[in-house]
Amino acid sequence: MKFDQDILNIVFFARGGQGAKSATEILAQAGIFEGKFVKAFPDFGPERSGAPIKTYLRLSKKEIRTAEPILKPNIAVVLDETVLESDKVSGSFDLDGESIVIINSSKNPSEFKSLIPKFKGKIYTIDATGISLKTIGKPTPNVAIIGYLLKVTEIVKISNVISVFKSIFTEKIGAELTRKNILAMEEAYDAF
């Protein structure tokens, strides 16, 4: 599925500590690398691990003037399926039949229809936590779900995301952990 809208609106739903903010920043940097205009920002209350959060990402071929929260996303990415129960995605956002939802889960996509009943678009699931546990050794689904998002949507090239990831994280987390994260991204990308 390829998105060619003037502005692509993406919302990440997660819990604090799952890496939604980092995922948004990595994708934003890859978009800039490709010459796109971007806006990326978080929306959360009290900053504590485990609290529900949202992060927003806009990608465009032309200048983005708005900095408002995204109310009509083209793509919703859910890093923790329990957030669907606490933060009614389709109730608070206008998801139409052209939108897609990607959920970090080992469940079948049809099992989520009751949680977002008004949504008529496509739901995808991937066990991003399982992939990250296997490749990284930690339950951090953000990098794996980026890989899957890239395969499903083609919003930016995975090679550019990998370059951005290396430039941001090699010094912060070391070469070996960077390699493992990239492996998780590539495995999720190939899982589609």
N, C-alpha and C. Protein backbone atom coordinates (compact mmCIF):
# COMPACT_ATOMS: atom_id res chain seq x y z
N MET A 1 0.85 -1.17 0.00
CA MET A 1 0.00 0.00 0.00
C MET A 1 0.89 1.23 0.00
N LYS A 2 0.67 2.11 -0.92
CA LYS A 2 1.49 3.32 -1.02
C LYS A 2 0.62 4.54 -0.77
N PHE A 3 1.11 5.44 0.07
CA PHE A 3 0.37 6.66 0.38
C PHE A 3 0.98 7.83 -0.38
N ASP A 4 0.15 8.53 -1.13
CA ASP A 4 0.64 9.66 -1.92
C ASP A 4 -0.09 10.96 -1.58
N GLN A 5 -0.71 11.06 -0.42
CA GLN A 5 -1.40 12.27 -0.03
C GLN A 5 -0.41 13.43 0.10
N ASP A 6 -0.95 14.65 0.03
CA ASP A 6 -0.12 15.83 0.24
C ASP A 6 0.53 15.79 1.62
N ILE A 7 -0.27 15.48 2.63
CA ILE A 7 0.26 15.34 3.99
C ILE A 7 -0.19 13.99 4.53
N LEU A 8 0.75 13.19 4.98
CA LEU A 8 0.46 11.90 5.59
C LEU A 8 0.47 12.08 7.10
N ASN A 9 -0.64 11.73 7.74
CA ASN A 9 -0.81 11.90 9.18
C ASN A 9 -0.76 10.56 9.89
N ILE A 10 0.16 10.44 10.85
CA ILE A 10 0.35 9.19 11.58
C ILE A 10 0.26 9.47 13.08
N VAL A 11 -0.45 8.60 13.79
CA VAL A 11 -0.52 8.68 15.25
C VAL A 11 -0.03 7.36 15.83
N PHE A 12 0.89 7.44 16.78
CA PHE A 12 1.34 6.29 17.54
C PHE A 12 0.63 6.30 18.88
N PHE A 13 0.00 5.19 19.25
CA PHE A 13 -0.60 5.00 20.56
C PHE A 13 0.29 4.03 21.31
N ALA A 14 0.66 4.36 22.54
CA ALA A 14 1.56 3.49 23.28
C ALA A 14 1.44 3.77 24.77
N ARG A 15 2.33 3.18 25.51
CA ARG A 15 2.49 3.47 26.92
C ARG A 15 3.90 4.02 27.10
N GLY A 16 4.06 4.90 28.06
CA GLY A 16 5.36 5.50 28.30
C GLY A 16 6.43 4.45 28.49
N GLY A 17 7.54 4.61 27.80
CA GLY A 17 8.65 3.67 27.91
C GLY A 17 8.72 2.66 26.78
N GLN A 18 7.71 2.64 25.89
CA GLN A 18 7.71 1.68 24.79
C GLN A 18 8.42 2.20 23.53
N GLY A 19 8.83 3.46 23.56
CA GLY A 19 9.61 3.99 22.45
C GLY A 19 8.82 4.65 21.34
N ALA A 20 7.58 5.04 21.59
CA ALA A 20 6.78 5.71 20.54
C ALA A 20 7.41 7.04 20.15
N LYS A 21 7.89 7.78 21.13
CA LYS A 21 8.51 9.08 20.82
C LYS A 21 9.77 8.87 19.99
N SER A 22 10.59 7.90 20.34
CA SER A 22 11.80 7.60 19.55
C SER A 22 11.44 7.14 18.15
N ALA A 23 10.41 6.29 18.02
CA ALA A 23 10.00 5.81 16.70
C ALA A 23 9.58 6.98 15.81
N THR A 24 8.83 7.90 16.38
CA THR A 24 8.38 9.07 15.63
C THR A 24 9.58 9.91 15.19
N GLU A 25 10.54 10.11 16.08
CA GLU A 25 11.72 10.91 15.75
C GLU A 25 12.59 10.23 14.67
N ILE A 26 12.72 8.91 14.74
CA ILE A 26 13.51 8.18 13.74
C ILE A 26 12.86 8.33 12.36
N LEU A 27 11.54 8.14 12.30
CA LEU A 27 10.83 8.28 11.02
C LEU A 27 10.90 9.71 10.51
N ALA A 28 10.80 10.68 11.42
CA ALA A 28 10.89 12.09 11.01
C ALA A 28 12.26 12.39 10.41
N GLN A 29 13.31 11.91 11.05
CA GLN A 29 14.67 12.15 10.53
C GLN A 29 14.86 11.48 9.17
N ALA A 30 14.30 10.28 8.99
CA ALA A 30 14.39 9.60 7.69
C ALA A 30 13.62 10.39 6.63
N GLY A 31 12.48 10.96 7.02
CA GLY A 31 11.72 11.80 6.09
C GLY A 31 12.50 13.03 5.67
N ILE A 32 13.17 13.66 6.62
CA ILE A 32 14.01 14.83 6.31
C ILE A 32 15.14 14.42 5.38
N PHE A 33 15.74 13.27 5.66
CA PHE A 33 16.82 12.75 4.82
C PHE A 33 16.37 12.58 3.37
N GLU A 34 15.07 12.23 3.18
CA GLU A 34 14.52 12.04 1.85
C GLU A 34 13.97 13.34 1.24
N GLY A 35 14.16 14.45 1.94
CA GLY A 35 13.72 15.73 1.39
C GLY A 35 12.27 16.07 1.69
N LYS A 36 11.66 15.34 2.61
CA LYS A 36 10.27 15.61 2.97
C LYS A 36 10.21 16.66 4.09
N PHE A 37 9.06 17.29 4.20
CA PHE A 37 8.79 18.17 5.32
C PHE A 37 8.16 17.31 6.41
N VAL A 38 8.52 17.57 7.66
CA VAL A 38 8.00 16.76 8.76
C VAL A 38 7.62 17.63 9.95
N LYS A 39 6.70 17.11 10.73
CA LYS A 39 6.37 17.63 12.06
C LYS A 39 6.16 16.40 12.93
N ALA A 40 6.85 16.33 14.04
CA ALA A 40 6.73 15.22 14.97
C ALA A 40 6.69 15.76 16.38
N PHE A 41 5.70 15.31 17.15
CA PHE A 41 5.61 15.78 18.53
C PHE A 41 4.77 14.82 19.37
N PRO A 42 5.08 14.74 20.68
CA PRO A 42 4.34 13.86 21.57
C PRO A 42 3.14 14.58 22.19
N ASP A 43 2.23 13.78 22.74
CA ASP A 43 1.08 14.30 23.49
C ASP A 43 0.86 13.35 24.66
N PHE A 44 1.32 13.76 25.83
CA PHE A 44 1.12 12.92 26.99
C PHE A 44 0.93 13.78 28.23
N GLY A 45 0.31 13.17 29.23
CA GLY A 45 0.06 13.86 30.49
C GLY A 45 1.26 13.72 31.39
N PRO A 46 1.02 13.31 32.63
CA PRO A 46 2.15 13.12 33.55
C PRO A 46 3.13 12.11 32.98
N GLU A 47 4.38 12.51 32.92
CA GLU A 47 5.40 11.65 32.32
C GLU A 47 5.78 10.55 33.29
N ARG A 48 5.22 9.36 33.02
CA ARG A 48 5.59 8.21 33.84
C ARG A 48 5.52 6.96 32.98
N SER A 49 6.37 6.04 33.28
CA SER A 49 6.41 4.79 32.54
C SER A 49 5.08 4.06 32.68
N GLY A 50 4.56 3.59 31.56
CA GLY A 50 3.31 2.83 31.57
C GLY A 50 2.06 3.65 31.32
N ALA A 51 2.15 4.97 31.40
CA ALA A 51 0.97 5.81 31.16
C ALA A 51 0.68 5.87 29.65
N PRO A 52 -0.60 5.87 29.26
CA PRO A 52 -0.92 5.99 27.83
C PRO A 52 -0.41 7.30 27.25
N ILE A 53 0.18 7.22 26.06
CA ILE A 53 0.67 8.41 25.36
C ILE A 53 0.31 8.30 23.88
N LYS A 54 0.41 9.43 23.22
CA LYS A 54 0.26 9.48 21.77
C LYS A 54 1.41 10.31 21.23
N THR A 55 1.89 9.96 20.07
CA THR A 55 2.84 10.81 19.37
C THR A 55 2.32 10.99 17.96
N TYR A 56 2.62 12.15 17.41
CA TYR A 56 2.10 12.52 16.09
C TYR A 56 3.26 12.72 15.12
N LEU A 57 3.01 12.32 13.87
CA LEU A 57 3.99 12.51 12.82
C LEU A 57 3.27 12.91 11.54
N ARG A 58 3.71 14.02 10.98
CA ARG A 58 3.23 14.44 9.66
C ARG A 58 4.40 14.40 8.69
N LEU A 59 4.18 13.83 7.52
CA LEU A 59 5.16 13.80 6.44
C LEU A 59 4.52 14.40 5.20
N SER A 60 5.26 15.24 4.49
CA SER A 60 4.70 15.88 3.31
C SER A 60 5.79 16.24 2.31
N LYS A 61 5.36 16.39 1.05
CA LYS A 61 6.27 16.85 0.01
C LYS A 61 6.32 18.37 -0.03
N LYS A 62 5.41 19.01 0.70
CA LYS A 62 5.43 20.47 0.77
C LYS A 62 5.34 20.93 2.21
N GLU A 63 5.55 22.19 2.43
CA GLU A 63 5.61 22.75 3.78
C GLU A 63 4.36 22.44 4.59
N ILE A 64 4.56 22.10 5.85
CA ILE A 64 3.47 21.80 6.78
C ILE A 64 3.30 23.01 7.69
N ARG A 65 2.15 23.59 7.68
CA ARG A 65 1.93 24.81 8.48
C ARG A 65 1.26 24.54 9.82
N THR A 66 0.54 23.45 9.95
CA THR A 66 -0.18 23.19 11.18
C THR A 66 0.69 22.43 12.18
N ALA A 67 0.45 22.72 13.44
CA ALA A 67 1.13 21.99 14.53
C ALA A 67 0.08 21.43 15.49
N GLU A 68 -1.15 21.35 15.02
CA GLU A 68 -2.24 20.83 15.84
C GLU A 68 -2.15 19.31 15.97
N PRO A 69 -2.71 18.75 17.03
CA PRO A 69 -2.78 17.29 17.12
C PRO A 69 -3.53 16.72 15.91
N ILE A 70 -3.19 15.52 15.53
CA ILE A 70 -3.80 14.87 14.37
C ILE A 70 -5.12 14.22 14.80
N LEU A 71 -6.20 14.66 14.18
CA LEU A 71 -7.51 14.11 14.49
C LEU A 71 -8.01 13.16 13.41
N LYS A 72 -7.43 13.21 12.22
CA LYS A 72 -7.82 12.32 11.12
C LYS A 72 -6.57 11.63 10.57
N PRO A 73 -6.04 10.64 11.30
CA PRO A 73 -4.82 9.99 10.83
C PRO A 73 -5.07 9.08 9.63
N ASN A 74 -4.09 9.01 8.76
CA ASN A 74 -4.10 8.02 7.69
C ASN A 74 -3.65 6.67 8.24
N ILE A 75 -2.78 6.75 9.24
CA ILE A 75 -2.21 5.54 9.85
C ILE A 75 -2.23 5.69 11.37
N ALA A 76 -2.72 4.66 12.06
CA ALA A 76 -2.63 4.60 13.51
C ALA A 76 -1.76 3.38 13.84
N VAL A 77 -0.73 3.60 14.65
CA VAL A 77 0.18 2.53 15.06
C VAL A 77 -0.01 2.34 16.55
N VAL A 78 -0.32 1.12 16.96
CA VAL A 78 -0.61 0.82 18.36
C VAL A 78 0.49 -0.10 18.89
N LEU A 79 1.33 0.45 19.78
CA LEU A 79 2.45 -0.32 20.33
C LEU A 79 2.04 -1.23 21.49
N ASP A 80 0.87 -0.98 22.07
CA ASP A 80 0.39 -1.79 23.18
C ASP A 80 -1.11 -1.97 22.99
N GLU A 81 -1.53 -3.20 22.71
CA GLU A 81 -2.95 -3.43 22.40
C GLU A 81 -3.89 -3.05 23.53
N THR A 82 -3.40 -3.01 24.78
CA THR A 82 -4.28 -2.63 25.89
C THR A 82 -4.67 -1.15 25.82
N VAL A 83 -3.92 -0.36 25.09
CA VAL A 83 -4.27 1.05 24.92
C VAL A 83 -5.58 1.18 24.16
N LEU A 84 -5.89 0.21 23.32
CA LEU A 84 -7.16 0.24 22.59
C LEU A 84 -8.35 0.22 23.54
N GLU A 85 -8.20 -0.44 24.68
CA GLU A 85 -9.26 -0.51 25.67
C GLU A 85 -9.36 0.76 26.49
N SER A 86 -8.23 1.39 26.79
CA SER A 86 -8.24 2.58 27.64
C SER A 86 -8.39 3.87 26.85
N ASP A 87 -8.05 3.84 25.58
CA ASP A 87 -8.11 5.05 24.75
C ASP A 87 -8.78 4.67 23.44
N LYS A 88 -10.10 4.78 23.41
CA LYS A 88 -10.87 4.35 22.24
C LYS A 88 -10.37 5.05 20.99
N VAL A 89 -9.60 4.33 20.19
CA VAL A 89 -8.96 4.90 19.02
C VAL A 89 -9.97 5.48 18.05
N SER A 90 -10.96 4.69 17.65
CA SER A 90 -11.90 5.20 16.66
C SER A 90 -12.87 6.21 17.25
N GLY A 91 -13.03 6.20 18.57
CA GLY A 91 -13.91 7.18 19.19
C GLY A 91 -13.29 8.57 19.28
N SER A 92 -11.97 8.63 19.42
CA SER A 92 -11.31 9.92 19.55
C SER A 92 -10.67 10.41 18.26
N PHE A 93 -10.61 9.54 17.27
CA PHE A 93 -10.01 9.90 15.99
C PHE A 93 -10.91 9.47 14.86
N ASP A 94 -10.91 10.25 13.81
CA ASP A 94 -11.72 9.97 12.64
C ASP A 94 -10.92 9.08 11.69
N LEU A 95 -11.08 7.77 11.84
CA LEU A 95 -10.41 6.82 10.97
C LEU A 95 -11.40 6.42 9.89
N ASP A 96 -11.07 6.68 8.63
CA ASP A 96 -12.00 6.34 7.56
C ASP A 96 -11.59 5.02 6.91
N GLY A 97 -12.29 4.64 5.86
CA GLY A 97 -12.05 3.38 5.17
C GLY A 97 -10.71 3.31 4.47
N GLU A 98 -10.07 4.45 4.27
CA GLU A 98 -8.75 4.48 3.63
C GLU A 98 -7.62 4.40 4.65
N SER A 99 -7.94 4.59 5.92
CA SER A 99 -6.93 4.55 6.98
C SER A 99 -6.52 3.11 7.26
N ILE A 100 -5.35 2.97 7.87
CA ILE A 100 -4.93 1.66 8.33
C ILE A 100 -4.52 1.74 9.79
N VAL A 101 -4.65 0.61 10.48
CA VAL A 101 -4.23 0.49 11.87
C VAL A 101 -3.26 -0.67 11.94
N ILE A 102 -2.10 -0.43 12.55
CA ILE A 102 -1.11 -1.48 12.77
C ILE A 102 -0.99 -1.68 14.27
N ILE A 103 -1.21 -2.92 14.72
CA ILE A 103 -1.24 -3.22 16.16
C ILE A 103 -0.15 -4.22 16.50
N ASN A 104 0.60 -3.92 17.54
CA ASN A 104 1.59 -4.85 18.09
C ASN A 104 0.84 -5.94 18.85
N SER A 105 0.66 -7.08 18.19
CA SER A 105 -0.07 -8.18 18.81
C SER A 105 0.16 -9.46 18.03
N SER A 106 0.07 -10.58 18.72
CA SER A 106 0.13 -11.88 18.05
C SER A 106 -1.26 -12.35 17.66
N LYS A 107 -2.28 -11.57 18.01
CA LYS A 107 -3.66 -11.93 17.69
C LYS A 107 -3.97 -11.67 16.22
N ASN A 108 -5.04 -12.27 15.76
CA ASN A 108 -5.54 -12.04 14.42
C ASN A 108 -6.16 -10.65 14.35
N PRO A 109 -5.98 -9.92 13.24
CA PRO A 109 -6.56 -8.58 13.13
C PRO A 109 -8.06 -8.52 13.39
N SER A 110 -8.79 -9.57 13.03
CA SER A 110 -10.25 -9.58 13.22
C SER A 110 -10.65 -9.49 14.70
N GLU A 111 -9.75 -9.90 15.60
CA GLU A 111 -10.05 -9.87 17.03
C GLU A 111 -10.13 -8.44 17.57
N PHE A 112 -9.71 -7.45 16.79
CA PHE A 112 -9.73 -6.06 17.26
C PHE A 112 -10.92 -5.27 16.73
N LYS A 113 -11.72 -5.88 15.88
CA LYS A 113 -12.87 -5.16 15.29
C LYS A 113 -13.81 -4.65 16.37
N SER A 114 -14.01 -5.41 17.44
CA SER A 114 -14.94 -4.98 18.50
C SER A 114 -14.41 -3.78 19.28
N LEU A 115 -13.09 -3.60 19.32
CA LEU A 115 -12.51 -2.46 20.03
C LEU A 115 -12.53 -1.17 19.21
N ILE A 116 -12.59 -1.31 17.89
CA ILE A 116 -12.68 -0.15 17.01
C ILE A 116 -13.80 -0.42 15.98
N PRO A 117 -15.06 -0.54 16.47
CA PRO A 117 -16.16 -1.01 15.62
C PRO A 117 -16.52 -0.10 14.45
N LYS A 118 -16.31 1.18 14.56
CA LYS A 118 -16.66 2.10 13.48
C LYS A 118 -15.64 2.09 12.35
N PHE A 119 -14.49 1.54 12.61
CA PHE A 119 -13.39 1.56 11.64
C PHE A 119 -13.65 0.56 10.53
N LYS A 120 -13.59 1.02 9.29
CA LYS A 120 -13.84 0.16 8.12
C LYS A 120 -12.59 -0.09 7.29
N GLY A 121 -11.46 0.45 7.72
CA GLY A 121 -10.21 0.28 6.98
C GLY A 121 -9.55 -1.05 7.30
N LYS A 122 -8.28 -1.14 6.98
CA LYS A 122 -7.52 -2.38 7.13
C LYS A 122 -6.76 -2.38 8.46
N ILE A 123 -6.85 -3.50 9.17
CA ILE A 123 -6.10 -3.69 10.42
C ILE A 123 -5.01 -4.72 10.16
N TYR A 124 -3.79 -4.40 10.58
CA TYR A 124 -2.65 -5.30 10.48
C TYR A 124 -2.15 -5.57 11.89
N THR A 125 -1.68 -6.79 12.13
CA THR A 125 -1.04 -7.09 13.41
C THR A 125 0.33 -7.72 13.16
N ILE A 126 1.22 -7.45 14.09
CA ILE A 126 2.55 -8.06 14.09
C ILE A 126 3.01 -8.18 15.55
N ASP A 127 3.63 -9.28 15.87
CA ASP A 127 4.14 -9.48 17.23
C ASP A 127 5.51 -8.79 17.35
N ALA A 128 5.47 -7.47 17.39
CA ALA A 128 6.71 -6.68 17.47
C ALA A 128 7.43 -6.92 18.80
N THR A 129 6.69 -7.14 19.87
CA THR A 129 7.32 -7.42 21.15
C THR A 129 8.06 -8.75 21.09
N GLY A 130 7.43 -9.77 20.49
CA GLY A 130 8.07 -11.07 20.34
C GLY A 130 9.34 -11.00 19.50
N ILE A 131 9.28 -10.22 18.42
CA ILE A 131 10.46 -10.05 17.56
C ILE A 131 11.58 -9.36 18.33
N SER A 132 11.23 -8.32 19.11
CA SER A 132 12.27 -7.61 19.85
C SER A 132 12.85 -8.46 20.97
N LEU A 133 12.02 -9.26 21.62
CA LEU A 133 12.54 -10.16 22.65
C LEU A 133 13.52 -11.16 22.05
N LYS A 134 13.19 -11.69 20.88
CA LYS A 134 14.03 -12.69 20.22
C LYS A 134 15.35 -12.09 19.71
N THR A 135 15.29 -10.89 19.12
CA THR A 135 16.49 -10.34 18.48
C THR A 135 17.29 -9.41 19.38
N ILE A 136 16.58 -8.63 20.21
CA ILE A 136 17.26 -7.63 21.05
C ILE A 136 17.43 -8.14 22.48
N GLY A 137 16.48 -8.97 22.91
CA GLY A 137 16.51 -9.47 24.28
C GLY A 137 15.74 -8.59 25.24
N LYS A 138 14.97 -7.63 24.70
CA LYS A 138 14.18 -6.72 25.52
C LYS A 138 12.80 -6.54 24.88
N PRO A 139 11.76 -6.31 25.70
CA PRO A 139 10.41 -6.12 25.14
C PRO A 139 10.16 -4.68 24.68
N THR A 140 10.94 -4.23 23.71
CA THR A 140 10.79 -2.87 23.19
C THR A 140 10.32 -2.96 21.73
N PRO A 141 9.02 -2.80 21.49
CA PRO A 141 8.45 -3.07 20.17
C PRO A 141 8.63 -1.96 19.13
N ASN A 142 9.14 -0.81 19.52
CA ASN A 142 9.12 0.35 18.61
C ASN A 142 9.91 0.14 17.33
N VAL A 143 11.10 -0.41 17.40
CA VAL A 143 11.93 -0.55 16.19
C VAL A 143 11.35 -1.63 15.27
N ALA A 144 10.89 -2.73 15.85
CA ALA A 144 10.28 -3.78 15.03
C ALA A 144 9.04 -3.25 14.32
N ILE A 145 8.22 -2.51 15.03
CA ILE A 145 6.99 -2.02 14.40
C ILE A 145 7.30 -0.98 13.31
N ILE A 146 8.40 -0.26 13.45
CA ILE A 146 8.82 0.65 12.37
C ILE A 146 9.06 -0.17 11.09
N GLY A 147 9.77 -1.28 11.21
CA GLY A 147 10.03 -2.12 10.04
C GLY A 147 8.76 -2.57 9.37
N TYR A 148 7.79 -3.01 10.16
CA TYR A 148 6.52 -3.47 9.60
C TYR A 148 5.75 -2.32 8.97
N LEU A 149 5.73 -1.18 9.64
CA LEU A 149 5.07 0.02 9.10
C LEU A 149 5.66 0.39 7.75
N LEU A 150 6.97 0.33 7.62
CA LEU A 150 7.63 0.68 6.36
C LEU A 150 7.24 -0.28 5.25
N LYS A 151 7.15 -1.56 5.55
CA LYS A 151 6.78 -2.53 4.53
C LYS A 151 5.32 -2.34 4.08
N VAL A 152 4.43 -2.10 5.03
CA VAL A 152 3.01 -1.95 4.72
C VAL A 152 2.75 -0.65 3.95
N THR A 153 3.44 0.42 4.30
CA THR A 153 3.08 1.75 3.77
C THR A 153 4.07 2.37 2.80
N GLU A 154 5.35 1.99 2.87
CA GLU A 154 6.38 2.58 2.02
C GLU A 154 6.50 4.10 2.21
N ILE A 155 6.29 4.59 3.45
CA ILE A 155 6.33 6.04 3.69
C ILE A 155 7.72 6.62 3.56
N VAL A 156 8.73 5.85 3.93
CA VAL A 156 10.14 6.20 3.70
C VAL A 156 10.87 4.88 3.45
N LYS A 157 12.07 4.97 2.93
CA LYS A 157 12.84 3.77 2.61
C LYS A 157 13.50 3.21 3.87
N ILE A 158 13.45 1.90 4.00
CA ILE A 158 14.05 1.25 5.17
C ILE A 158 15.55 1.53 5.22
N SER A 159 16.21 1.62 4.09
CA SER A 159 17.66 1.90 4.10
C SER A 159 17.95 3.25 4.73
N ASN A 160 17.08 4.22 4.51
CA ASN A 160 17.26 5.54 5.13
C ASN A 160 16.98 5.50 6.62
N VAL A 161 15.99 4.73 7.03
CA VAL A 161 15.69 4.59 8.46
C VAL A 161 16.86 3.91 9.17
N ILE A 162 17.43 2.90 8.54
CA ILE A 162 18.59 2.22 9.13
C ILE A 162 19.76 3.18 9.27
N SER A 163 20.02 3.98 8.26
CA SER A 163 21.10 4.98 8.34
C SER A 163 20.87 5.96 9.47
N VAL A 164 19.63 6.45 9.58
CA VAL A 164 19.29 7.39 10.65
C VAL A 164 19.45 6.72 12.01
N PHE A 165 18.95 5.49 12.12
CA PHE A 165 19.06 4.77 13.39
C PHE A 165 20.51 4.62 13.82
N LYS A 166 21.37 4.21 12.88
CA LYS A 166 22.79 4.06 13.19
C LYS A 166 23.40 5.39 13.65
N SER A 167 23.07 6.47 12.95
CA SER A 167 23.68 7.76 13.29
C SER A 167 23.22 8.27 14.66
N ILE A 168 21.99 7.97 15.03
CA ILE A 168 21.46 8.44 16.33
C ILE A 168 21.90 7.53 17.47
N PHE A 169 21.86 6.22 17.26
CA PHE A 169 21.95 5.30 18.39
C PHE A 169 23.28 4.55 18.57
N THR A 170 24.13 4.50 17.58
CA THR A 170 25.37 3.72 17.74
C THR A 170 26.17 4.21 18.94
N GLU A 171 26.31 5.52 19.06
CA GLU A 171 27.07 6.06 20.19
C GLU A 171 26.30 5.91 21.51
N LYS A 172 24.98 6.03 21.46
CA LYS A 172 24.16 5.96 22.69
C LYS A 172 24.07 4.55 23.27
N ILE A 173 23.84 3.55 22.38
CA ILE A 173 23.58 2.20 22.90
C ILE A 173 24.65 1.18 22.50
N GLY A 174 25.60 1.59 21.68
CA GLY A 174 26.68 0.69 21.27
C GLY A 174 26.37 -0.01 19.95
N ALA A 175 27.43 -0.48 19.31
CA ALA A 175 27.31 -1.09 17.99
C ALA A 175 26.52 -2.39 18.01
N GLU A 176 26.71 -3.21 19.04
CA GLU A 176 26.03 -4.52 19.08
C GLU A 176 24.53 -4.36 19.28
N LEU A 177 24.11 -3.51 20.20
CA LEU A 177 22.68 -3.29 20.42
C LEU A 177 22.04 -2.58 19.22
N THR A 178 22.79 -1.72 18.57
CA THR A 178 22.31 -1.08 17.35
C THR A 178 22.07 -2.14 16.27
N ARG A 179 23.02 -3.05 16.12
CA ARG A 179 22.88 -4.13 15.13
C ARG A 179 21.65 -4.98 15.42
N LYS A 180 21.42 -5.32 16.68
CA LYS A 180 20.27 -6.14 17.07
C LYS A 180 18.95 -5.41 16.78
N ASN A 181 18.91 -4.11 17.05
CA ASN A 181 17.70 -3.34 16.76
C ASN A 181 17.42 -3.31 15.26
N ILE A 182 18.44 -3.14 14.47
CA ILE A 182 18.27 -3.13 13.00
C ILE A 182 17.80 -4.50 12.53
N LEU A 183 18.31 -5.56 13.14
CA LEU A 183 17.87 -6.91 12.81
C LEU A 183 16.38 -7.07 13.12
N ALA A 184 15.92 -6.53 14.26
CA ALA A 184 14.50 -6.58 14.61
C ALA A 184 13.66 -5.84 13.58
N MET A 185 14.13 -4.67 13.16
CA MET A 185 13.43 -3.89 12.14
C MET A 185 13.32 -4.66 10.84
N GLU A 186 14.43 -5.26 10.42
CA GLU A 186 14.44 -6.01 9.16
C GLU A 186 13.57 -7.27 9.23
N GLU A 187 13.58 -7.93 10.38
CA GLU A 187 12.74 -9.13 10.54
C GLU A 187 11.26 -8.78 10.45
N ALA A 188 10.86 -7.69 11.08
CA ALA A 188 9.46 -7.26 11.01
C ALA A 188 9.10 -6.80 9.59
N TYR A 189 10.03 -6.14 8.94
CA TYR A 189 9.83 -5.72 7.55
C TYR A 189 9.58 -6.93 6.65
N ASP A 190 10.36 -7.98 6.86
CA ASP A 190 10.23 -9.20 6.04
C ASP A 190 9.03 -10.05 6.43
N ALA A 191 8.41 -9.77 7.58
CA ALA A 191 7.27 -10.57 8.05
C ALA A 191 5.98 -10.27 7.30
N PHE A 192 5.92 -9.18 6.56
CA PHE A 192 4.68 -8.78 5.86
C PHE A 192 4.41 -9.69 4.69
